Amino acid sequence: MNQMLLALIVVSNLIVVFTRAYASGQRVNEVLDTDPSLTSPQNSKNVNQINQPLIEFNQVDFRYSKDAGLSLTDINFSVADNTVMGITGGTGSGKTTLTQLIPRFYDASAGNVNFLGLNVKEWDLKELRNQIKMVPQIAVLFHGTIRQNLQWGKADATDDECWEALKIAQCLDFVQKLPNKLDTLIMENGKNFSGGQRQRLTIARAIVNKPKVLILDDSLSALDYQTDLDLREALKNNLNGTVIIISQRIRSLQQANQILLMDSGRIVASGTHDELMKHSTAYQELVTSQEEV
């Protein structure tokens, strides 16, 4: 009787497993059968970089769906090559949404987003996104070695290139102390590293192929002020590209060539730190609130 009951339990468990597998398989097939809404143009145009800003937004509006309200309204600004731009503002002001239009994760609802003088819709997606790297707010590392994680940013990256990226991202202080160094195994989501270490490793992965534009989406929040400063100085001196920093910490943006202050999907003020301190009441209040803390 016990043997018969055990066999029946096994059969019932198999029924549950197969039922779940069938449902999961259907969901996976739905994803695989979905046609992407954003595709590369059949004939990409030549880049016209002569006297053109690196990035340019012209009267850009954006909404996530036809029925949704505007997430961005009348966005106008330009970014020159080899500069640092900061973006700040309250939660939900549209900072991340704005930067996601640059590598064309979404298409603008109105207006034009240009990269190197060419509308991003006319770029080959792979070529465009190979020149623009984004480090998200939540640091994501994959199960594997440090070297394998860095090679997600550049598949054929050599050890020297990996070490250079780690040096710029201020990772040498802890990676060199690890027994296996680049061969150190990273657990899923980087659970065997601290929050600041995970952020620096994701930055190293983004810069290993020296992108034209590096977007840091609040990815310096877990760093202390000195490491934050050292990392920004290293990026400025070694990256040879444009850095866009999204941050709530004004201290991280003070040296930027241009700062955008956003509120409710609009740019309410722009300029250098000193200019905004003179002319923008909202920026002054933001700086004062952080000084009080």
C-alpha atoms as a PDB file:
ATOM      1  CA  MET A   1       0.000   0.000   0.000  1.00  0.00           C
ATOM      2  CA  ASN A   2       2.851   2.415   0.831  1.00  0.00           C
ATOM      3  CA  GLN A   3       4.538   1.684  -2.506  1.00  0.00           C
ATOM      4  CA  MET A   4       1.260   2.294  -4.344  1.00  0.00           C
ATOM      5  CA  LEU A   5       0.664   5.572  -2.484  1.00  0.00           C
ATOM      6  CA  LEU A   6       4.207   6.782  -3.206  1.00  0.00           C
ATOM      7  CA  ALA A   7       3.728   6.011  -6.889  1.00  0.00           C
ATOM      8  CA  LEU A   8       0.435   7.924  -6.926  1.00  0.00           C
ATOM      9  CA  ILE A   9       2.109  10.906  -5.220  1.00  0.00           C
ATOM     10  CA  VAL A  10       4.831  10.920  -7.906  1.00  0.00           C
ATOM     11  CA  VAL A  11       2.195  10.844 -10.656  1.00  0.00           C
ATOM     12  CA  SER A  12       0.225  13.689  -9.068  1.00  0.00           C
ATOM     13  CA  ASN A  13       3.413  15.774  -8.766  1.00  0.00           C
ATOM     14  CA  LEU A  14       4.175  15.140 -12.433  1.00  0.00           C
ATOM     15  CA  ILE A  15       0.714  16.402 -13.384  1.00  0.00           C
ATOM     16  CA  VAL A  16       1.362  19.632 -11.454  1.00  0.00           C
ATOM     17  CA  VAL A  17       4.821  20.037 -13.050  1.00  0.00           C
ATOM     18  CA  PHE A  18       3.531  19.489 -16.592  1.00  0.00           C
ATOM     19  CA  THR A  19       0.605  21.869 -16.023  1.00  0.00           C
ATOM     20  CA  ARG A  20       2.939  24.630 -14.838  1.00  0.00           C
ATOM     21  CA  ALA A  21       5.399  23.932 -17.654  1.00  0.00           C
ATOM     22  CA  TYR A  22       2.633  24.193 -20.258  1.00  0.00           C
ATOM     23  CA  ALA A  23       1.451  27.537 -18.880  1.00  0.00           C
ATOM     24  CA  SER A  24       5.023  28.852 -18.669  1.00  0.00           C
ATOM     25  CA  GLY A  25       5.776  27.643 -22.192  1.00  0.00           C
ATOM     26  CA  GLN A  26       2.792  29.573 -23.526  1.00  0.00           C
ATOM     27  CA  ARG A  27       4.025  32.783 -21.890  1.00  0.00           C
ATOM     28  CA  VAL A  28       7.551  32.279 -23.255  1.00  0.00           C
ATOM     29  CA  ASN A  29       6.189  31.682 -26.771  1.00  0.00           C
ATOM     30  CA  GLU A  30       4.095  34.854 -26.539  1.00  0.00           C
ATOM     31  CA  VAL A  31       7.262  36.841 -25.837  1.00  0.00           C
ATOM     32  CA  LEU A  32       9.223  35.135 -28.632  1.00  0.00           C
ATOM     33  CA  ASP A  33       6.398  35.677 -31.134  1.00  0.00           C
ATOM     34  CA  THR A  34       6.049  39.397 -30.336  1.00  0.00           C
ATOM     35  CA  ASP A  35       7.186  41.708 -33.112  1.00  0.00           C
ATOM     36  CA  PRO A  36       9.318  44.611 -31.804  1.00  0.00           C
ATOM     37  CA  SER A  37       7.712  48.030 -32.132  1.00  0.00           C
ATOM     38  CA  LEU A  38      11.107  49.676 -32.751  1.00  0.00           C
ATOM     39  CA  THR A  39      13.138  48.498 -35.739  1.00  0.00           C
ATOM     40  CA  SER A  40      16.129  49.760 -37.681  1.00  0.00           C
ATOM     41  CA  PRO A  41      15.449  51.583 -40.959  1.00  0.00           C
ATOM     42  CA  GLN A  42      16.094  49.598 -44.119  1.00  0.00           C
ATOM     43  CA  ASN A  43      18.548  52.169 -45.414  1.00  0.00           C
ATOM     44  CA  SER A  44      20.422  54.047 -42.685  1.00  0.00           C
ATOM     45  CA  LYS A  45      21.724  57.495 -43.638  1.00  0.00           C
ATOM     46  CA  ASN A  46      25.233  58.864 -43.351  1.00  0.00           C
ATOM     47  CA  VAL A  47      26.105  60.723 -40.161  1.00  0.00           C
ATOM     48  CA  ASN A  48      26.537  64.475 -40.588  1.00  0.00           C
ATOM     49  CA  GLN A  49      28.694  65.582 -37.650  1.00  0.00           C
ATOM     50  CA  ILE A  50      29.937  68.862 -39.119  1.00  0.00           C
ATOM     51  CA  ASN A  51      29.033  71.737 -36.757  1.00  0.00           C
ATOM     52  CA  GLN A  52      26.379  69.560 -35.132  1.00  0.00           C
ATOM     53  CA  PRO A  53      25.859  69.003 -31.389  1.00  0.00           C
ATOM     54  CA  LEU A  54      26.364  65.461 -30.144  1.00  0.00           C
ATOM     55  CA  ILE A  55      22.789  65.207 -28.805  1.00  0.00           C
ATOM     56  CA  GLU A  56      19.924  67.541 -29.614  1.00  0.00           C
ATOM     57  CA  PHE A  57      16.268  67.600 -28.501  1.00  0.00           C
ATOM     58  CA  ASN A  58      13.940  69.776 -30.580  1.00  0.00           C
ATOM     59  CA  GLN A  59      10.444  70.400 -29.145  1.00  0.00           C
ATOM     60  CA  VAL A  60      10.157  66.820 -27.911  1.00  0.00           C
ATOM     61  CA  ASP A  61       6.942  65.521 -26.339  1.00  0.00           C
ATOM     62  CA  PHE A  62       6.557  61.952 -25.130  1.00  0.00           C
ATOM     63  CA  ARG A  63       3.787  59.757 -23.788  1.00  0.00           C
ATOM     64  CA  TYR A  64       4.039  56.042 -22.988  1.00  0.00           C
ATOM     65  CA  SER A  65       0.750  55.206 -24.722  1.00  0.00           C
ATOM     66  CA  LYS A  66      -1.861  56.993 -26.802  1.00  0.00           C
ATOM     67  CA  ASP A  67      -4.236  57.202 -23.859  1.00  0.00           C
ATOM     68  CA  ALA A  68      -1.603  58.294 -21.314  1.00  0.00           C
ATOM     69  CA  GLY A  69      -0.787  61.868 -20.451  1.00  0.00           C
ATOM     70  CA  LEU A  70       2.448  63.535 -21.536  1.00  0.00           C
ATOM     71  CA  SER A  71       5.489  62.357 -19.575  1.00  0.00           C
ATOM     72  CA  LEU A  72       7.720  64.932 -21.304  1.00  0.00           C
ATOM     73  CA  THR A  73       6.590  68.291 -22.662  1.00  0.00           C
ATOM     74  CA  ASP A  74       8.439  70.683 -25.000  1.00  0.00           C
ATOM     75  CA  ILE A  75      11.976  69.453 -24.276  1.00  0.00           C
ATOM     76  CA  ASN A  76      14.662  71.567 -25.952  1.00  0.00           C
ATOM     77  CA  PHE A  77      18.396  71.319 -25.269  1.00  0.00           C
ATOM     78  CA  SER A  78      21.660  70.262 -26.875  1.00  0.00           C
ATOM     79  CA  VAL A  79      24.800  68.571 -25.568  1.00  0.00           C
ATOM     80  CA  ALA A  80      28.274  69.111 -27.002  1.00  0.00           C
ATOM     81  CA  ASP A  81      30.853  66.361 -27.362  1.00  0.00           C
ATOM     82  CA  ASN A  82      33.323  65.691 -24.510  1.00  0.00           C
ATOM     83  CA  THR A  83      31.219  67.482 -21.901  1.00  0.00           C
ATOM     84  CA  VAL A  84      29.382  66.566 -18.697  1.00  0.00           C
ATOM     85  CA  MET A  85      25.669  67.215 -18.345  1.00  0.00           C
ATOM     86  CA  GLY A  86      23.717  66.806 -15.114  1.00  0.00           C
ATOM     87  CA  ILE A  87      19.985  66.199 -14.768  1.00  0.00           C
ATOM     88  CA  THR A  88      18.196  66.666 -11.462  1.00  0.00           C
ATOM     89  CA  GLY A  89      14.672  67.099 -10.183  1.00  0.00           C
ATOM     90  CA  GLY A  90      12.069  65.478  -7.989  1.00  0.00           C
ATOM     91  CA  THR A  91      10.853  61.894  -8.210  1.00  0.00           C
ATOM     92  CA  GLY A  92       8.693  61.378 -11.295  1.00  0.00           C
ATOM     93  CA  SER A  93       9.900  64.522 -13.043  1.00  0.00           C
ATOM     94  CA  GLY A  94      10.910  62.610 -16.210  1.00  0.00           C
ATOM     95  CA  LYS A  95      14.679  62.407 -15.824  1.00  0.00           C
ATOM     96  CA  THR A  96      15.044  58.725 -16.759  1.00  0.00           C
ATOM     97  CA  THR A  97      12.382  58.943 -19.467  1.00  0.00           C
ATOM     98  CA  LEU A  98      14.307  61.763 -21.145  1.00  0.00           C
ATOM     99  CA  THR A  99      17.565  59.814 -21.321  1.00  0.00           C
ATOM    100  CA  GLN A 100      15.832  56.665 -22.591  1.00  0.00           C
ATOM    101  CA  LEU A 101      14.901  58.530 -25.780  1.00  0.00           C
ATOM    102  CA  ILE A 102      18.592  58.980 -26.686  1.00  0.00           C
ATOM    103  CA  PRO A 103      19.387  55.273 -27.358  1.00  0.00           C
ATOM    104  CA  ARG A 104      15.830  54.975 -28.753  1.00  0.00           C
ATOM    105  CA  PHE A 105      14.319  52.708 -26.148  1.00  0.00           C
ATOM    106  CA  TYR A 106      11.175  54.677 -27.015  1.00  0.00           C
ATOM    107  CA  ASP A 107      10.219  56.985 -29.867  1.00  0.00           C
ATOM    108  CA  ALA A 108       9.285  60.600 -29.193  1.00  0.00           C
ATOM    109  CA  SER A 109       5.574  61.366 -29.629  1.00  0.00           C
ATOM    110  CA  ALA A 110       6.453  64.732 -31.178  1.00  0.00           C
ATOM    111  CA  GLY A 111       9.629  66.575 -32.108  1.00  0.00           C
ATOM    112  CA  ASN A 112      13.063  65.209 -32.977  1.00  0.00           C
ATOM    113  CA  VAL A 113      15.858  63.542 -31.019  1.00  0.00           C
ATOM    114  CA  ASN A 114      19.136  63.814 -32.933  1.00  0.00           C
ATOM    115  CA  PHE A 115      22.441  62.058 -32.330  1.00  0.00           C
ATOM    116  CA  LEU A 116      25.488  63.302 -34.242  1.00  0.00           C
ATOM    117  CA  GLY A 117      23.187  65.419 -36.408  1.00  0.00           C
ATOM    118  CA  LEU A 118      20.967  62.502 -37.439  1.00  0.00           C
ATOM    119  CA  ASN A 119      17.509  61.638 -36.116  1.00  0.00           C
ATOM    120  CA  VAL A 120      17.783  58.535 -33.922  1.00  0.00           C
ATOM    121  CA  LYS A 121      14.955  56.951 -35.978  1.00  0.00           C
ATOM    122  CA  GLU A 122      17.301  56.908 -38.965  1.00  0.00           C
ATOM    123  CA  TRP A 123      20.120  55.137 -37.107  1.00  0.00           C
ATOM    124  CA  ASP A 124      20.712  51.411 -37.171  1.00  0.00           C
ATOM    125  CA  LEU A 125      19.683  50.404 -33.650  1.00  0.00           C
ATOM    126  CA  LYS A 126      22.721  48.220 -33.000  1.00  0.00           C
ATOM    127  CA  GLU A 127      25.140  50.903 -34.171  1.00  0.00           C
ATOM    128  CA  LEU A 128      23.349  53.617 -32.178  1.00  0.00           C
ATOM    129  CA  ARG A 129      23.212  51.671 -28.928  1.00  0.00           C
ATOM    130  CA  ASN A 130      26.822  50.542 -29.302  1.00  0.00           C
ATOM    131  CA  GLN A 131      27.845  54.208 -28.959  1.00  0.00           C
ATOM    132  CA  ILE A 132      25.519  54.946 -26.040  1.00  0.00           C
ATOM    133  CA  LYS A 133      25.774  53.037 -22.762  1.00  0.00           C
ATOM    134  CA  MET A 134      23.390  53.433 -19.841  1.00  0.00           C
ATOM    135  CA  VAL A 135      23.984  52.356 -16.248  1.00  0.00           C
ATOM    136  CA  PRO A 136      20.568  51.931 -14.572  1.00  0.00           C
ATOM    137  CA  GLN A 137      19.654  52.988 -11.068  1.00  0.00           C
ATOM    138  CA  ILE A 138      19.476  49.365  -9.909  1.00  0.00           C
ATOM    139  CA  ALA A 139      22.850  47.699 -10.441  1.00  0.00           C
ATOM    140  CA  VAL A 140      22.403  44.348 -12.212  1.00  0.00           C
ATOM    141  CA  LEU A 141      25.238  41.817 -12.317  1.00  0.00           C
ATOM    142  CA  PHE A 142      25.031  38.337 -13.829  1.00  0.00           C
ATOM    143  CA  HIS A 143      26.133  35.019 -12.402  1.00  0.00           C
ATOM    144  CA  GLY A 144      29.694  34.474 -13.668  1.00  0.00           C
ATOM    145  CA  THR A 145      33.176  35.855 -13.233  1.00  0.00           C
ATOM    146  CA  ILE A 146      34.076  39.540 -13.133  1.00  0.00           C
ATOM    147  CA  ARG A 147      35.718  39.121 -16.542  1.00  0.00           C
ATOM    148  CA  GLN A 148      32.571  37.579 -18.048  1.00  0.00           C
ATOM    149  CA  ASN A 149      30.427  40.407 -16.663  1.00  0.00           C
ATOM    150  CA  LEU A 150      32.734  43.037 -18.159  1.00  0.00           C
ATOM    151  CA  GLN A 151      32.677  41.227 -21.512  1.00  0.00           C
ATOM    152  CA  TRP A 152      28.941  41.834 -21.683  1.00  0.00           C
ATOM    153  CA  GLY A 153      29.981  45.410 -22.453  1.00  0.00           C
ATOM    154  CA  LYS A 154      32.564  44.290 -25.021  1.00  0.00           C
ATOM    155  CA  ALA A 155      32.629  40.646 -26.062  1.00  0.00           C
ATOM    156  CA  ASP A 156      36.305  40.595 -27.065  1.00  0.00           C
ATOM    157  CA  ALA A 157      37.617  42.744 -24.202  1.00  0.00           C
ATOM    158  CA  THR A 158      41.154  41.795 -23.192  1.00  0.00           C
ATOM    159  CA  ASP A 159      42.367  41.582 -19.607  1.00  0.00           C
ATOM    160  CA  ASP A 160      44.169  44.911 -20.043  1.00  0.00           C
ATOM    161  CA  GLU A 161      40.955  46.583 -21.201  1.00  0.00           C
ATOM    162  CA  CYS A 162      39.096  45.049 -18.259  1.00  0.00           C
ATOM    163  CA  TRP A 163      41.658  46.333 -15.780  1.00  0.00           C
ATOM    164  CA  GLU A 164      41.579  49.802 -17.385  1.00  0.00           C
ATOM    165  CA  ALA A 165      37.774  49.932 -17.070  1.00  0.00           C
ATOM    166  CA  LEU A 166      37.995  48.766 -13.453  1.00  0.00           C
ATOM    167  CA  LYS A 167      40.567  51.466 -12.726  1.00  0.00           C
ATOM    168  CA  ILE A 168      38.381  54.238 -14.186  1.00  0.00           C
ATOM    169  CA  ALA A 169      35.348  52.918 -12.276  1.00  0.00           C
ATOM    170  CA  GLN A 170      37.330  52.956  -8.992  1.00  0.00           C
ATOM    171  CA  CYS A 171      37.163  49.159  -8.623  1.00  0.00           C
ATOM    172  CA  LEU A 172      40.877  48.407  -8.272  1.00  0.00           C
ATOM    173  CA  ASP A 173      40.848  48.864  -4.499  1.00  0.00           C
ATOM    174  CA  PHE A 174      38.733  45.753  -3.951  1.00  0.00           C
ATOM    175  CA  VAL A 175      39.172  43.649  -7.118  1.00  0.00           C
ATOM    176  CA  GLN A 176      42.963  43.434  -6.715  1.00  0.00           C
ATOM    177  CA  LYS A 177      42.492  42.163  -3.152  1.00  0.00           C
ATOM    178  CA  LEU A 178      40.324  39.261  -4.302  1.00  0.00           C
ATOM    179  CA  PRO A 179      42.211  35.919  -4.485  1.00  0.00           C
ATOM    180  CA  ASN A 180      41.009  35.161  -8.035  1.00  0.00           C
ATOM    181  CA  LYS A 181      40.863  38.785  -9.234  1.00  0.00           C
ATOM    182  CA  LEU A 182      39.133  38.817 -12.661  1.00  0.00           C
ATOM    183  CA  ASP A 183      38.180  35.157 -12.232  1.00  0.00           C
ATOM    184  CA  THR A 184      36.259  35.885  -9.028  1.00  0.00           C
ATOM    185  CA  LEU A 185      32.776  34.419  -9.251  1.00  0.00           C
ATOM    186  CA  ILE A 186      29.886  36.882  -8.946  1.00  0.00           C
ATOM    187  CA  MET A 187      26.731  35.441  -7.446  1.00  0.00           C
ATOM    188  CA  GLU A 188      23.354  36.180  -8.999  1.00  0.00           C
ATOM    189  CA  ASN A 189      22.617  39.933  -8.795  1.00  0.00           C
ATOM    190  CA  GLY A 190      26.047  40.429  -7.192  1.00  0.00           C
ATOM    191  CA  LYS A 191      24.922  39.343  -3.733  1.00  0.00           C
ATOM    192  CA  ASN A 192      28.536  38.775  -2.644  1.00  0.00           C
ATOM    193  CA  PHE A 193      29.395  42.475  -3.195  1.00  0.00           C
ATOM    194  CA  SER A 194      28.220  45.630  -1.448  1.00  0.00           C
ATOM    195  CA  GLY A 195      25.883  48.145  -3.093  1.00  0.00           C
ATOM    196  CA  GLY A 196      28.697  50.563  -3.932  1.00  0.00           C
ATOM    197  CA  GLN A 197      30.860  47.776  -5.373  1.00  0.00           C
ATOM    198  CA  ARG A 198      27.994  46.570  -7.560  1.00  0.00           C
ATOM    199  CA  GLN A 199      27.437  50.091  -8.893  1.00  0.00           C
ATOM    200  CA  ARG A 200      31.103  50.513  -9.741  1.00  0.00           C
ATOM    201  CA  LEU A 201      31.253  47.117 -11.473  1.00  0.00           C
ATOM    202  CA  THR A 202      28.242  47.993 -13.638  1.00  0.00           C
ATOM    203  CA  ILE A 203      29.904  51.288 -14.555  1.00  0.00           C
ATOM    204  CA  ALA A 204      33.081  49.411 -15.493  1.00  0.00           C
ATOM    205  CA  ARG A 205      31.021  47.099 -17.712  1.00  0.00           C
ATOM    206  CA  ALA A 206      29.501  50.120 -19.480  1.00  0.00           C
ATOM    207  CA  ILE A 207      32.801  51.896 -20.170  1.00  0.00           C
ATOM    208  CA  VAL A 208      34.921  48.919 -21.205  1.00  0.00           C
ATOM    209  CA  ASN A 209      34.279  49.679 -24.902  1.00  0.00           C
ATOM    210  CA  LYS A 210      34.732  53.477 -24.473  1.00  0.00           C
ATOM    211  CA  PRO A 211      31.243  54.643 -25.540  1.00  0.00           C
ATOM    212  CA  LYS A 212      30.571  58.013 -27.133  1.00  0.00           C
ATOM    213  CA  VAL A 213      27.910  58.737 -24.490  1.00  0.00           C
ATOM    214  CA  LEU A 214      27.711  57.330 -20.964  1.00  0.00           C
ATOM    215  CA  ILE A 215      24.431  57.799 -19.089  1.00  0.00           C
ATOM    216  CA  LEU A 216      24.567  57.296 -15.314  1.00  0.00           C
ATOM    217  CA  ASP A 217      20.990  57.013 -14.081  1.00  0.00           C
ATOM    218  CA  ASP A 218      21.389  57.748 -10.355  1.00  0.00           C
ATOM    219  CA  SER A 219      24.078  55.046 -10.335  1.00  0.00           C
ATOM    220  CA  LEU A 220      26.390  56.919  -7.937  1.00  0.00           C
ATOM    221  CA  SER A 221      23.920  56.974  -5.049  1.00  0.00           C
ATOM    222  CA  ALA A 222      25.618  54.192  -3.045  1.00  0.00           C
ATOM    223  CA  LEU A 223      29.085  55.783  -3.252  1.00  0.00           C
ATOM    224  CA  ASP A 224      30.641  57.962  -0.599  1.00  0.00           C
ATOM    225  CA  TYR A 225      31.450  61.533  -1.589  1.00  0.00           C
ATOM    226  CA  GLN A 226      35.187  60.937  -2.114  1.00  0.00           C
ATOM    227  CA  THR A 227      34.681  57.869  -4.326  1.00  0.00           C
ATOM    228  CA  ASP A 228      31.970  59.740  -6.215  1.00  0.00           C
ATOM    229  CA  LEU A 229      34.389  62.617  -6.869  1.00  0.00           C
ATOM    230  CA  ASP A 230      37.259  60.306  -7.864  1.00  0.00           C
ATOM    231  CA  LEU A 231      35.045  58.382 -10.279  1.00  0.00           C
ATOM    232  CA  ARG A 232      33.709  61.528 -11.962  1.00  0.00           C
ATOM    233  CA  GLU A 233      37.241  62.904 -12.332  1.00  0.00           C
ATOM    234  CA  ALA A 234      38.428  59.597 -13.834  1.00  0.00           C
ATOM    235  CA  LEU A 235      35.554  59.575 -16.329  1.00  0.00           C
ATOM    236  CA  LYS A 236      36.292  63.167 -17.321  1.00  0.00           C
ATOM    237  CA  ASN A 237      39.998  62.516 -17.872  1.00  0.00           C
ATOM    238  CA  ASN A 238      39.900  59.053 -19.468  1.00  0.00           C
ATOM    239  CA  LEU A 239      36.589  58.388 -21.189  1.00  0.00           C
ATOM    240  CA  ASN A 240      36.968  60.833 -24.109  1.00  0.00           C
ATOM    241  CA  GLY A 241      33.211  61.094 -24.443  1.00  0.00           C
ATOM    242  CA  THR A 242      30.135  62.785 -23.042  1.00  0.00           C
ATOM    243  CA  VAL A 243      28.797  61.853 -19.608  1.00  0.00           C
ATOM    244  CA  ILE A 244      25.175  62.444 -18.589  1.00  0.00           C
ATOM    245  CA  ILE A 245      24.609  62.130 -14.840  1.00  0.00           C
ATOM    246  CA  ILE A 246      21.141  61.822 -13.328  1.00  0.00           C
ATOM    247  CA  SER A 247      21.354  62.476  -9.611  1.00  0.00           C
ATOM    248  CA  GLN A 248      19.465  63.898  -6.658  1.00  0.00           C
ATOM    249  CA  ARG A 249      22.781  64.893  -5.066  1.00  0.00           C
ATOM    250  CA  ILE A 250      23.735  68.380  -6.210  1.00  0.00           C
ATOM    251  CA  ARG A 251      27.290  67.699  -5.069  1.00  0.00           C
ATOM    252  CA  SER A 252      27.579  65.150  -7.903  1.00  0.00           C
ATOM    253  CA  LEU A 253      26.524  67.736 -10.511  1.00  0.00           C
ATOM    254  CA  GLN A 254      28.289  70.934  -9.426  1.00  0.00           C
ATOM    255  CA  GLN A 255      31.160  70.591 -11.908  1.00  0.00           C
ATOM    256  CA  ALA A 256      28.924  69.732 -14.888  1.00  0.00           C
ATOM    257  CA  ASN A 257      29.101  71.947 -17.988  1.00  0.00           C
ATOM    258  CA  GLN A 258      25.312  72.075 -18.047  1.00  0.00           C
ATOM    259  CA  ILE A 259      22.603  71.138 -15.538  1.00  0.00           C
ATOM    260  CA  LEU A 260      18.932  70.563 -16.379  1.00  0.00           C
ATOM    261  CA  LEU A 261      16.394  71.018 -13.595  1.00  0.00           C
ATOM    262  CA  MET A 262      13.198  69.094 -14.355  1.00  0.00           C
ATOM    263  CA  ASP A 263       9.730  69.199 -12.874  1.00  0.00           C
ATOM    264  CA  SER A 264       6.597  67.375 -14.091  1.00  0.00           C
ATOM    265  CA  GLY A 265       8.169  66.430 -17.413  1.00  0.00           C
ATOM    266  CA  ARG A 266       9.426  69.927 -18.220  1.00  0.00           C
ATOM    267  CA  ILE A 267      12.820  71.619 -18.095  1.00  0.00           C
ATOM    268  CA  VAL A 268      12.228  74.486 -15.686  1.00  0.00           C
ATOM    269  CA  ALA A 269      15.823  75.752 -15.604  1.00  0.00           C
ATOM    270  CA  SER A 270      19.181  75.035 -17.242  1.00  0.00           C
ATOM    271  CA  GLY A 271      22.716  76.313 -16.920  1.00  0.00           C
ATOM    272  CA  THR A 272      25.830  75.796 -14.842  1.00  0.00           C
ATOM    273  CA  HIS A 273      25.672  75.416 -11.077  1.00  0.00           C
ATOM    274  CA  ASP A 274      26.661  79.036 -10.514  1.00  0.00           C
ATOM    275  CA  GLU A 275      24.147  80.335 -13.067  1.00  0.00           C
ATOM    276  CA  LEU A 276      21.302  78.331 -11.545  1.00  0.00           C
ATOM    277  CA  MET A 277      22.228  79.501  -8.043  1.00  0.00           C
ATOM    278  CA  LYS A 278      21.807  83.089  -9.263  1.00  0.00           C
ATOM    279  CA  HIS A 279      18.665  82.792 -11.369  1.00  0.00           C
ATOM    280  CA  SER A 280      16.644  79.700 -10.342  1.00  0.00           C
ATOM    281  CA  THR A 281      14.651  79.795  -7.110  1.00  0.00           C
ATOM    282  CA  ALA A 282      13.708  76.106  -7.430  1.00  0.00           C
ATOM    283  CA  TYR A 283      17.377  75.125  -7.752  1.00  0.00           C
ATOM    284  CA  GLN A 284      18.338  77.299  -4.785  1.00  0.00           C
ATOM    285  CA  GLU A 285      15.682  75.591  -2.656  1.00  0.00           C
ATOM    286  CA  LEU A 286      16.967  72.152  -3.724  1.00  0.00           C
ATOM    287  CA  VAL A 287      20.541  73.053  -2.783  1.00  0.00           C
ATOM    288  CA  THR A 288      19.446  74.572   0.543  1.00  0.00           C
ATOM    289  CA  SER A 289      17.429  71.485   1.481  1.00  0.00           C
ATOM    290  CA  GLN A 290      20.469  69.257   0.960  1.00  0.00           C
ATOM    291  CA  GLU A 291      22.752  71.572   2.920  1.00  0.00           C
ATOM    292  CA  GLU A 292      20.346  71.443   5.854  1.00  0.00           C
ATOM    293  CA  VAL A 293      20.394  67.642   5.784  1.00  0.00           C
END
